[in-house]
Amino acid sequence: YDGAASMSGIYNGVQSHIRQIYPSAMYVHCSAHIL
C-alpha cells in the first residue's frame, strides 16, 4: 500500500488489522509511491 496512515499505520492501519488475522502477510511500502 501507500504510506497513508489509514493504510500503513502500525496500530489502526489496514496492514495492522490484516496481520492480526494473517501474520505472514508482511507489509511493504509501495515503491512507486516512495518514488
Full PDB file with SEQRES, HELIX, SHEET, SSBOND, CRYST1, ORIGX, SCALE, CONECT and MASTER records, all heavy atoms in Angstrom:
SEQRES   1 A   35  TYR ASP GLY ALA ALA SER MET SER GLY ILE TYR ASN GLY          
SEQRES   2 A   35  VAL GLN SER HIS ILE ARG GLN ILE TYR PRO SER ALA MET          
SEQRES   3 A   35  TYR VAL HIS CYS SER ALA HIS ILE LEU                          
HELIX    1 AA1 ALA A    5  SER A    8  1                                   4    
HELIX    2 AA2 VAL A   14  ILE A   21  1                                   8    
HELIX    3 AA3 SER A   31  ILE A   34  1                                   4    
CRYST1    1.000    1.000    1.000  90.00  90.00  90.00 P 1           1          
ORIGX1      1.000000  0.000000  0.000000        0.00000                         
ORIGX2      0.000000  1.000000  0.000000        0.00000                         
ORIGX3      0.000000  0.000000  1.000000        0.00000                         
SCALE1      1.000000  0.000000  0.000000        0.00000                         
SCALE2      0.000000  1.000000  0.000000        0.00000                         
SCALE3      0.000000  0.000000  1.000000        0.00000                         
ATOM      1  N   TYR A   1       0.844  -1.185   0.000  1.00  0.00           N  
ATOM      2  CA  TYR A   1       0.000   0.000   0.000  1.00  0.00           C  
ATOM      3  C   TYR A   1       0.885   1.243   0.000  1.00  0.00           C  
ATOM      4  O   TYR A   1       2.116   1.154   0.088  1.00  0.00           O  
ATOM      5  CB  TYR A   1      -0.913   0.044   1.235  1.00  0.00           C  
ATOM      6  CG  TYR A   1      -1.569  -1.262   1.592  1.00  0.00           C  
ATOM      7  CD1 TYR A   1      -1.424  -1.813   2.860  1.00  0.00           C  
ATOM      8  CD2 TYR A   1      -2.340  -1.939   0.654  1.00  0.00           C  
ATOM      9  CE1 TYR A   1      -2.029  -3.010   3.190  1.00  0.00           C  
ATOM     10  CE2 TYR A   1      -2.944  -3.139   0.980  1.00  0.00           C  
ATOM     11  CZ  TYR A   1      -2.781  -3.674   2.249  1.00  0.00           C  
ATOM     12  OH  TYR A   1      -3.377  -4.861   2.564  1.00  0.00           O  
ATOM     13  N   ASP A   2       0.242   2.417  -0.048  1.00  0.00           N  
ATOM     14  CA  ASP A   2       0.995   3.656   0.088  1.00  0.00           C  
ATOM     15  C   ASP A   2       1.268   3.924   1.574  1.00  0.00           C  
ATOM     16  O   ASP A   2       0.943   3.114   2.442  1.00  0.00           O  
ATOM     17  CB  ASP A   2       0.253   4.826  -0.574  1.00  0.00           C  
ATOM     18  CG  ASP A   2      -1.138   5.043   0.023  1.00  0.00           C  
ATOM     19  OD1 ASP A   2      -1.350   4.675   1.195  1.00  0.00           O  
ATOM     20  OD2 ASP A   2      -2.011   5.577  -0.685  1.00  0.00           O  
ATOM     21  N   GLY A   3       1.851   5.084   1.853  1.00  0.00           N  
ATOM     22  CA  GLY A   3       2.249   5.384   3.224  1.00  0.00           C  
ATOM     23  C   GLY A   3       1.226   6.137   4.027  1.00  0.00           C  
ATOM     24  O   GLY A   3       1.547   6.646   5.113  1.00  0.00           O  
ATOM     25  N   ALA A   4      -0.012   6.242   3.551  1.00  0.00           N  
ATOM     26  CA  ALA A   4      -1.053   6.946   4.308  1.00  0.00           C  
ATOM     27  C   ALA A   4      -1.302   6.230   5.631  1.00  0.00           C  
ATOM     28  O   ALA A   4      -1.167   5.011   5.743  1.00  0.00           O  
ATOM     29  CB  ALA A   4      -2.336   7.020   3.498  1.00  0.00           C  
ATOM     30  N   ALA A   5      -1.684   7.015   6.647  1.00  0.00           N  
ATOM     31  CA  ALA A   5      -1.866   6.452   7.983  1.00  0.00           C  
ATOM     32  C   ALA A   5      -2.935   5.366   8.006  1.00  0.00           C  
ATOM     33  O   ALA A   5      -2.805   4.365   8.713  1.00  0.00           O  
ATOM     34  CB  ALA A   5      -2.218   7.572   8.958  1.00  0.00           C  
ATOM     35  N   SER A   6      -3.998   5.556   7.224  1.00  0.00           N  
ATOM     36  CA  SER A   6      -5.079   4.559   7.214  1.00  0.00           C  
ATOM     37  C   SER A   6      -4.640   3.239   6.593  1.00  0.00           C  
ATOM     38  O   SER A   6      -5.268   2.202   6.830  1.00  0.00           O  
ATOM     39  CB  SER A   6      -6.294   5.099   6.447  1.00  0.00           C  
ATOM     40  OG  SER A   6      -5.944   5.374   5.094  1.00  0.00           O  
ATOM     41  N   MET A   7      -3.562   3.264   5.805  1.00  0.00           N  
ATOM     42  CA  MET A   7      -3.077   2.046   5.158  1.00  0.00           C  
ATOM     43  C   MET A   7      -1.883   1.438   5.890  1.00  0.00           C  
ATOM     44  O   MET A   7      -1.830   0.233   6.102  1.00  0.00           O  
ATOM     45  CB  MET A   7      -2.685   2.340   3.705  1.00  0.00           C  
ATOM     46  CG  MET A   7      -3.778   2.975   2.871  1.00  0.00           C  
ATOM     47  SD  MET A   7      -5.254   1.971   2.690  1.00  0.00           S  
ATOM     48  CE  MET A   7      -4.651   0.673   1.623  1.00  0.00           C  
ATOM     49  N   SER A   8      -0.922   2.271   6.290  1.00  0.00           N  
ATOM     50  CA  SER A   8       0.345   1.764   6.831  1.00  0.00           C  
ATOM     51  C   SER A   8       0.458   1.871   8.339  1.00  0.00           C  
ATOM     52  O   SER A   8       1.480   1.462   8.904  1.00  0.00           O  
ATOM     53  CB  SER A   8       1.512   2.525   6.193  1.00  0.00           C  
ATOM     54  OG  SER A   8       1.455   3.903   6.539  1.00  0.00           O  
ATOM     55  N   GLY A   9      -0.536   2.445   9.024  1.00  0.00           N  
ATOM     56  CA  GLY A   9      -0.445   2.632  10.466  1.00  0.00           C  
ATOM     57  C   GLY A   9      -0.171   1.336  11.214  1.00  0.00           C  
ATOM     58  O   GLY A   9      -0.760   0.292  10.918  1.00  0.00           O  
ATOM     59  N   ILE A  10       0.730   1.395  12.217  1.00  0.00           N  
ATOM     60  CA  ILE A  10       1.145   0.179  12.918  1.00  0.00           C  
ATOM     61  C   ILE A  10       0.100  -0.284  13.935  1.00  0.00           C  
ATOM     62  O   ILE A  10       0.166  -1.416  14.425  1.00  0.00           O  
ATOM     63  CB  ILE A  10       2.502   0.383  13.624  1.00  0.00           C  
ATOM     64  CG1 ILE A  10       2.390   1.522  14.649  1.00  0.00           C  
ATOM     65  CG2 ILE A  10       3.598   0.670  12.608  1.00  0.00           C  
ATOM     66  CD1 ILE A  10       3.651   1.704  15.480  1.00  0.00           C  
ATOM     67  N   TYR A  11      -0.866   0.568  14.257  1.00  0.00           N  
ATOM     68  CA  TYR A  11      -1.889   0.198  15.224  1.00  0.00           C  
ATOM     69  C   TYR A  11      -3.268   0.053  14.576  1.00  0.00           C  
ATOM     70  O   TYR A  11      -3.962  -0.947  14.794  1.00  0.00           O  
ATOM     71  CB  TYR A  11      -1.943   1.226  16.355  1.00  0.00           C  
ATOM     72  CG  TYR A  11      -0.659   1.331  17.136  1.00  0.00           C  
ATOM     73  CD1 TYR A  11       0.132   2.469  17.050  1.00  0.00           C  
ATOM     74  CD2 TYR A  11      -0.228   0.278  17.940  1.00  0.00           C  
ATOM     75  CE1 TYR A  11       1.319   2.574  17.755  1.00  0.00           C  
ATOM     76  CE2 TYR A  11       0.966   0.365  18.650  1.00  0.00           C  
ATOM     77  CZ  TYR A  11       1.729   1.515  18.563  1.00  0.00           C  
ATOM     78  OH  TYR A  11       2.908   1.609  19.253  1.00  0.00           O  
ATOM     79  N   ASN A  12      -3.677   1.035  13.792  1.00  0.00           N  
ATOM     80  CA  ASN A  12      -5.010   1.024  13.207  1.00  0.00           C  
ATOM     81  C   ASN A  12      -4.998   1.076  11.683  1.00  0.00           C  
ATOM     82  O   ASN A  12      -6.034   1.358  11.073  1.00  0.00           O  
ATOM     83  CB  ASN A  12      -5.848   2.193  13.760  1.00  0.00           C  
ATOM     84  CG  ASN A  12      -6.185   2.014  15.225  1.00  0.00           C  
ATOM     85  OD1 ASN A  12      -6.603   0.939  15.637  1.00  0.00           O  
ATOM     86  ND2 ASN A  12      -5.978   3.057  16.014  1.00  0.00           N  
ATOM     87  N   GLY A  13      -3.857   0.827  11.072  1.00  0.00           N  
ATOM     88  CA  GLY A  13      -3.784   0.808   9.620  1.00  0.00           C  
ATOM     89  C   GLY A  13      -4.320  -0.494   9.047  1.00  0.00           C  
ATOM     90  O   GLY A  13      -4.514  -1.487   9.764  1.00  0.00           O  
ATOM     91  N   VAL A  14      -4.550  -0.497   7.738  1.00  0.00           N  
ATOM     92  CA  VAL A  14      -5.045  -1.708   7.067  1.00  0.00           C  
ATOM     93  C   VAL A  14      -4.082  -2.867   7.275  1.00  0.00           C  
ATOM     94  O   VAL A  14      -4.493  -3.992   7.608  1.00  0.00           O  
ATOM     95  CB  VAL A  14      -5.236  -1.433   5.558  1.00  0.00           C  
ATOM     96  CG1 VAL A  14      -5.546  -2.730   4.824  1.00  0.00           C  
ATOM     97  CG2 VAL A  14      -6.351  -0.427   5.338  1.00  0.00           C  
ATOM     98  N   GLN A  15      -2.796  -2.592   7.090  1.00  0.00           N  
ATOM     99  CA  GLN A  15      -1.816  -3.673   7.204  1.00  0.00           C  
ATOM    100  C   GLN A  15      -1.790  -4.275   8.596  1.00  0.00           C  
ATOM    101  O   GLN A  15      -1.601  -5.480   8.772  1.00  0.00           O  
ATOM    102  CB  GLN A  15      -0.431  -3.156   6.801  1.00  0.00           C  
ATOM    103  CG  GLN A  15       0.169  -2.079   7.683  1.00  0.00           C  
ATOM    104  CD  GLN A  15       1.029  -2.650   8.798  1.00  0.00           C  
ATOM    105  OE1 GLN A  15       1.421  -3.827   8.739  1.00  0.00           O  
ATOM    106  NE2 GLN A  15       1.331  -1.837   9.809  1.00  0.00           N  
ATOM    107  N   SER A  16      -2.016  -3.441   9.627  1.00  0.00           N  
ATOM    108  CA  SER A  16      -2.019  -3.940  11.001  1.00  0.00           C  
ATOM    109  C   SER A  16      -3.206  -4.859  11.252  1.00  0.00           C  
ATOM    110  O   SER A  16      -3.065  -5.940  11.849  1.00  0.00           O  
ATOM    111  CB  SER A  16      -2.047  -2.760  11.974  1.00  0.00           C  
ATOM    112  OG  SER A  16      -2.170  -3.203  13.313  1.00  0.00           O  
ATOM    113  N   HIS A  17      -4.382  -4.462  10.811  1.00  0.00           N  
ATOM    114  CA  HIS A  17      -5.578  -5.290  11.025  1.00  0.00           C  
ATOM    115  C   HIS A  17      -5.488  -6.604  10.262  1.00  0.00           C  
ATOM    116  O   HIS A  17      -5.936  -7.653  10.774  1.00  0.00           O  
ATOM    117  CB  HIS A  17      -6.829  -4.513  10.597  1.00  0.00           C  
ATOM    118  CG  HIS A  17      -7.184  -3.386  11.515  1.00  0.00           C  
ATOM    119  ND1 HIS A  17      -7.728  -3.580  12.767  1.00  0.00           N  
ATOM    120  CD2 HIS A  17      -7.065  -2.033  11.370  1.00  0.00           C  
ATOM    121  CE1 HIS A  17      -7.933  -2.421  13.353  1.00  0.00           C  
ATOM    122  NE2 HIS A  17      -7.553  -1.454  12.533  1.00  0.00           N  
ATOM    123  N   ILE A  18      -4.927  -6.577   9.059  1.00  0.00           N  
ATOM    124  CA  ILE A  18      -4.810  -7.815   8.283  1.00  0.00           C  
ATOM    125  C   ILE A  18      -3.770  -8.742   8.901  1.00  0.00           C  
ATOM    126  O   ILE A  18      -3.960  -9.964   8.960  1.00  0.00           O  
ATOM    127  CB  ILE A  18      -4.469  -7.489   6.813  1.00  0.00           C  
ATOM    128  CG1 ILE A  18      -5.672  -6.825   6.134  1.00  0.00           C  
ATOM    129  CG2 ILE A  18      -4.077  -8.756   6.049  1.00  0.00           C  
ATOM    130  CD1 ILE A  18      -5.460  -6.482   4.679  1.00  0.00           C  
ATOM    131  N   ARG A  19      -2.674  -8.178   9.428  1.00  0.00           N  
ATOM    132  CA  ARG A  19      -1.635  -9.014  10.027  1.00  0.00           C  
ATOM    133  C   ARG A  19      -2.096  -9.645  11.331  1.00  0.00           C  
ATOM    134  O   ARG A  19      -1.561 -10.676  11.743  1.00  0.00           O  
ATOM    135  CB  ARG A  19      -0.370  -8.193  10.259  1.00  0.00           C  
ATOM    136  CG  ARG A  19       0.358  -7.813   8.975  1.00  0.00           C  
ATOM    137  CD  ARG A  19       1.784  -7.404   9.238  1.00  0.00           C  
ATOM    138  NE  ARG A  19       2.586  -8.539   9.653  1.00  0.00           N  
ATOM    139  CZ  ARG A  19       3.887  -8.455   9.955  1.00  0.00           C  
ATOM    140  NH1 ARG A  19       4.502  -7.280   9.900  1.00  0.00           N  
ATOM    141  NH2 ARG A  19       4.565  -9.508  10.328  1.00  0.00           N  
ATOM    142  N   GLN A  20      -3.070  -9.055  11.964  1.00  0.00           N  
ATOM    143  CA  GLN A  20      -3.627  -9.689  13.168  1.00  0.00           C  
ATOM    144  C   GLN A  20      -4.321 -10.997  12.825  1.00  0.00           C  
ATOM    145  O   GLN A  20      -4.360 -11.925  13.638  1.00  0.00           O  
ATOM    146  CB  GLN A  20      -4.604  -8.732  13.848  1.00  0.00           C  
ATOM    147  CG  GLN A  20      -3.953  -7.504  14.478  1.00  0.00           C  
ATOM    148  CD  GLN A  20      -4.975  -6.547  15.065  1.00  0.00           C  
ATOM    149  OE1 GLN A  20      -6.159  -6.890  15.187  1.00  0.00           O  
ATOM    150  NE2 GLN A  20      -4.539  -5.353  15.433  1.00  0.00           N  
ATOM    151  N   ILE A  21      -4.859 -11.085  11.619  1.00  0.00           N  
ATOM    152  CA  ILE A  21      -5.549 -12.303  11.183  1.00  0.00           C  
ATOM    153  C   ILE A  21      -4.604 -13.215  10.406  1.00  0.00           C  
ATOM    154  O   ILE A  21      -4.627 -14.437  10.575  1.00  0.00           O  
ATOM    155  CB  ILE A  21      -6.768 -11.944  10.315  1.00  0.00           C  
ATOM    156  CG1 ILE A  21      -7.685 -10.974  11.062  1.00  0.00           C  
ATOM    157  CG2 ILE A  21      -7.543 -13.194   9.910  1.00  0.00           C  
ATOM    158  CD1 ILE A  21      -8.838 -10.458  10.222  1.00  0.00           C  
ATOM    159  N   TYR A  22      -3.755 -12.606   9.564  1.00  0.00           N  
ATOM    160  CA  TYR A  22      -2.798 -13.369   8.752  1.00  0.00           C  
ATOM    161  C   TYR A  22      -1.393 -12.832   9.029  1.00  0.00           C  
ATOM    162  O   TYR A  22      -0.898 -11.949   8.326  1.00  0.00           O  
ATOM    163  CB  TYR A  22      -3.145 -13.250   7.270  1.00  0.00           C  
ATOM    164  CG  TYR A  22      -4.541 -13.716   6.941  1.00  0.00           C  
ATOM    165  CD1 TYR A  22      -5.591 -12.809   6.804  1.00  0.00           C  
ATOM    166  CD2 TYR A  22      -4.822 -15.075   6.792  1.00  0.00           C  
ATOM    167  CE1 TYR A  22      -6.878 -13.243   6.525  1.00  0.00           C  
ATOM    168  CE2 TYR A  22      -6.107 -15.512   6.513  1.00  0.00           C  
ATOM    169  CZ  TYR A  22      -7.125 -14.591   6.379  1.00  0.00           C  
ATOM    170  OH  TYR A  22      -8.400 -15.027   6.108  1.00  0.00           O  
ATOM    171  N   PRO A  23      -0.716 -13.349  10.056  1.00  0.00           N  
ATOM    172  CA  PRO A  23       0.595 -12.818  10.480  1.00  0.00           C  
ATOM    173  C   PRO A  23       1.674 -12.904   9.408  1.00  0.00           C  
ATOM    174  O   PRO A  23       2.651 -12.138   9.453  1.00  0.00           O  
ATOM    175  CB  PRO A  23       0.956 -13.696  11.686  1.00  0.00           C  
ATOM    176  CG  PRO A  23      -0.354 -14.269  12.152  1.00  0.00           C  
ATOM    177  CD  PRO A  23      -1.182 -14.438  10.922  1.00  0.00           C  
ATOM    178  N   SER A  24       1.524 -13.810   8.447  1.00  0.00           N  
ATOM    179  CA  SER A  24       2.560 -13.970   7.414  1.00  0.00           C  
ATOM    180  C   SER A  24       2.471 -12.920   6.318  1.00  0.00           C  
ATOM    181  O   SER A  24       3.362 -12.843   5.467  1.00  0.00           O  
ATOM    182  CB  SER A  24       2.454 -15.366   6.786  1.00  0.00           C  
ATOM    183  OG  SER A  24       2.629 -16.378   7.752  1.00  0.00           O  
ATOM    184  N   ALA A  25       1.423 -12.110   6.337  1.00  0.00           N  
ATOM    185  CA  ALA A  25       1.232 -11.100   5.282  1.00  0.00           C  
ATOM    186  C   ALA A  25       2.053  -9.854   5.615  1.00  0.00           C  
ATOM    187  O   ALA A  25       1.553  -8.909   6.234  1.00  0.00           O  
ATOM    188  CB  ALA A  25      -0.241 -10.762   5.129  1.00  0.00           C  
ATOM    189  N   MET A  26       3.313  -9.840   5.223  1.00  0.00           N  
ATOM    190  CA  MET A  26       4.220  -8.744   5.537  1.00  0.00           C  
ATOM    191  C   MET A  26       3.880  -7.499   4.704  1.00  0.00           C  
ATOM    192  O   MET A  26       3.589  -7.602   3.508  1.00  0.00           O  
ATOM    193  CB  MET A  26       5.661  -9.159   5.262  1.00  0.00           C  
ATOM    194  CG  MET A  26       6.699  -8.109   5.640  1.00  0.00           C  
ATOM    195  SD  MET A  26       8.383  -8.686   5.365  1.00  0.00           S  
ATOM    196  CE  MET A  26       8.383  -8.885   3.586  1.00  0.00           C  
ATOM    197  N   TYR A  27       3.922  -6.335   5.358  1.00  0.00           N  
ATOM    198  CA  TYR A  27       3.603  -5.080   4.665  1.00  0.00           C  
ATOM    199  C   TYR A  27       4.874  -4.460   4.080  1.00  0.00           C  
ATOM    200  O   TYR A  27       5.916  -4.395   4.739  1.00  0.00           O  
ATOM    201  CB  TYR A  27       2.949  -4.094   5.637  1.00  0.00           C  
ATOM    202  CG  TYR A  27       2.922  -2.669   5.126  1.00  0.00           C  
ATOM    203  CD1 TYR A  27       2.135  -2.318   4.043  1.00  0.00           C  
ATOM    204  CD2 TYR A  27       3.710  -1.687   5.726  1.00  0.00           C  
ATOM    205  CE1 TYR A  27       2.119  -1.021   3.558  1.00  0.00           C  
ATOM    206  CE2 TYR A  27       3.695  -0.384   5.257  1.00  0.00           C  
ATOM    207  CZ  TYR A  27       2.896  -0.054   4.174  1.00  0.00           C  
ATOM    208  OH  TYR A  27       2.890   1.225   3.708  1.00  0.00           O  
ATOM    209  N   VAL A  28       4.766  -3.989   2.828  1.00  0.00           N  
ATOM    210  CA  VAL A  28       5.863  -3.297   2.148  1.00  0.00           C  
ATOM    211  C   VAL A  28       5.304  -2.006   1.560  1.00  0.00           C  
ATOM    212  O   VAL A  28       4.272  -2.029   0.870  1.00  0.00           O  
ATOM    213  CB  VAL A  28       6.478  -4.159   1.025  1.00  0.00           C  
ATOM    214  CG1 VAL A  28       7.570  -3.379   0.303  1.00  0.00           C  
ATOM    215  CG2 VAL A  28       7.040  -5.450   1.602  1.00  0.00           C  
ATOM    216  N   HIS A  29       5.963  -0.900   1.850  1.00  0.00           N  
ATOM    217  CA  HIS A  29       5.538   0.389   1.293  1.00  0.00           C  
ATOM    218  C   HIS A  29       5.701   0.362  -0.221  1.00  0.00           C  
ATOM    219  O   HIS A  29       6.760  -0.012  -0.741  1.00  0.00           O  
ATOM    220  CB  HIS A  29       6.388   1.503   1.902  1.00  0.00           C  
ATOM    221  CG  HIS A  29       5.849   2.877   1.634  1.00  0.00           C  
ATOM    222  ND1 HIS A  29       6.253   3.985   2.335  1.00  0.00           N  
ATOM    223  CD2 HIS A  29       4.934   3.332   0.748  1.00  0.00           C  
ATOM    224  CE1 HIS A  29       5.617   5.061   1.895  1.00  0.00           C  
ATOM    225  NE2 HIS A  29       4.814   4.674   0.920  1.00  0.00           N  
ATOM    226  N   CYS A  30       4.674   0.789  -0.939  1.00  0.00           N  
ATOM    227  CA  CYS A  30       4.682   0.770  -2.401  1.00  0.00           C  
ATOM    228  C   CYS A  30       5.885   1.533  -2.956  1.00  0.00           C  
ATOM    229  O   CYS A  30       6.101   2.708  -2.623  1.00  0.00           O  
ATOM    230  CB  CYS A  30       3.377   1.381  -2.911  1.00  0.00           C  
ATOM    231  SG  CYS A  30       3.316   1.583  -4.700  1.00  0.00           S  
ATOM    232  N   SER A  31       6.667   0.890  -3.815  1.00  0.00           N  
ATOM    233  CA  SER A  31       7.873   1.518  -4.366  1.00  0.00           C  
ATOM    234  C   SER A  31       7.536   2.721  -5.238  1.00  0.00           C  
ATOM    235  O   SER A  31       8.242   3.724  -5.225  1.00  0.00           O  
ATOM    236  CB  SER A  31       8.666   0.492  -5.189  1.00  0.00           C  
ATOM    237  OG  SER A  31       9.067  -0.589  -4.378  1.00  0.00           O  
ATOM    238  N   ALA A  32       6.448   2.614  -6.008  1.00  0.00           N  
ATOM    239  CA  ALA A  32       6.055   3.731  -6.866  1.00  0.00           C  
ATOM    240  C   ALA A  32       5.667   4.948  -6.023  1.00  0.00           C  
ATOM    241  O   ALA A  32       5.981   6.091  -6.387  1.00  0.00           O  
ATOM    242  CB  ALA A  32       4.899   3.318  -7.770  1.00  0.00           C  
ATOM    243  N   HIS A  33       5.002   4.698  -4.891  1.00  0.00           N  
ATOM    244  CA  HIS A  33       4.615   5.814  -4.017  1.00  0.00           C  
ATOM    245  C   HIS A  33       5.845   6.433  -3.365  1.00  0.00           C  
ATOM    246  O   HIS A  33       5.923   7.655  -3.193  1.00  0.00           O  
ATOM    247  CB  HIS A  33       3.635   5.321  -2.950  1.00  0.00           C  
ATOM    248  CG  HIS A  33       3.061   6.417  -2.110  1.00  0.00           C  
ATOM    249  ND1 HIS A  33       3.430   6.618  -0.802  1.00  0.00           N  
ATOM    250  CD2 HIS A  33       2.159   7.386  -2.399  1.00  0.00           C  
ATOM    251  CE1 HIS A  33       2.779   7.661  -0.308  1.00  0.00           C  
ATOM    252  NE2 HIS A  33       1.998   8.137  -1.254  1.00  0.00           N  
ATOM    253  N   ILE A  34       6.822   5.602  -2.992  1.00  0.00           N  
ATOM    254  CA  ILE A  34       8.071   6.124  -2.425  1.00  0.00           C  
ATOM    255  C   ILE A  34       8.777   7.006  -3.441  1.00  0.00           C  
ATOM    256  O   ILE A  34       9.267   8.096  -3.117  1.00  0.00           O  
ATOM    257  CB  ILE A  34       8.981   4.965  -1.985  1.00  0.00           C  
ATOM    258  CG1 ILE A  34       8.363   4.228  -0.791  1.00  0.00           C  
ATOM    259  CG2 ILE A  34      10.372   5.473  -1.619  1.00  0.00           C  
ATOM    260  CD1 ILE A  34       9.150   3.030  -0.341  1.00  0.00           C  
ATOM    261  N   LEU A  35       8.844   6.542  -4.701  1.00  0.00           N  
ATOM    262  CA  LEU A  35       9.483   7.339  -5.750  1.00  0.00           C  
ATOM    263  C   LEU A  35       8.755   8.662  -5.927  1.00  0.00           C  
ATOM    264  O   LEU A  35       9.387   9.711  -6.098  1.00  0.00           O  
ATOM    265  CB  LEU A  35       9.488   6.551  -7.060  1.00  0.00           C  
ATOM    266  CG  LEU A  35      10.058   7.287  -8.285  1.00  0.00           C  
ATOM    267  CD1 LEU A  35      11.516   7.675  -8.055  1.00  0.00           C  
ATOM    268  CD2 LEU A  35       9.925   6.431  -9.536  1.00  0.00           C  
TER     269      LEU A  35                                                      
MASTER        0    0    0    3    0    0    0    6  268    1    0    3          
END                                                                             
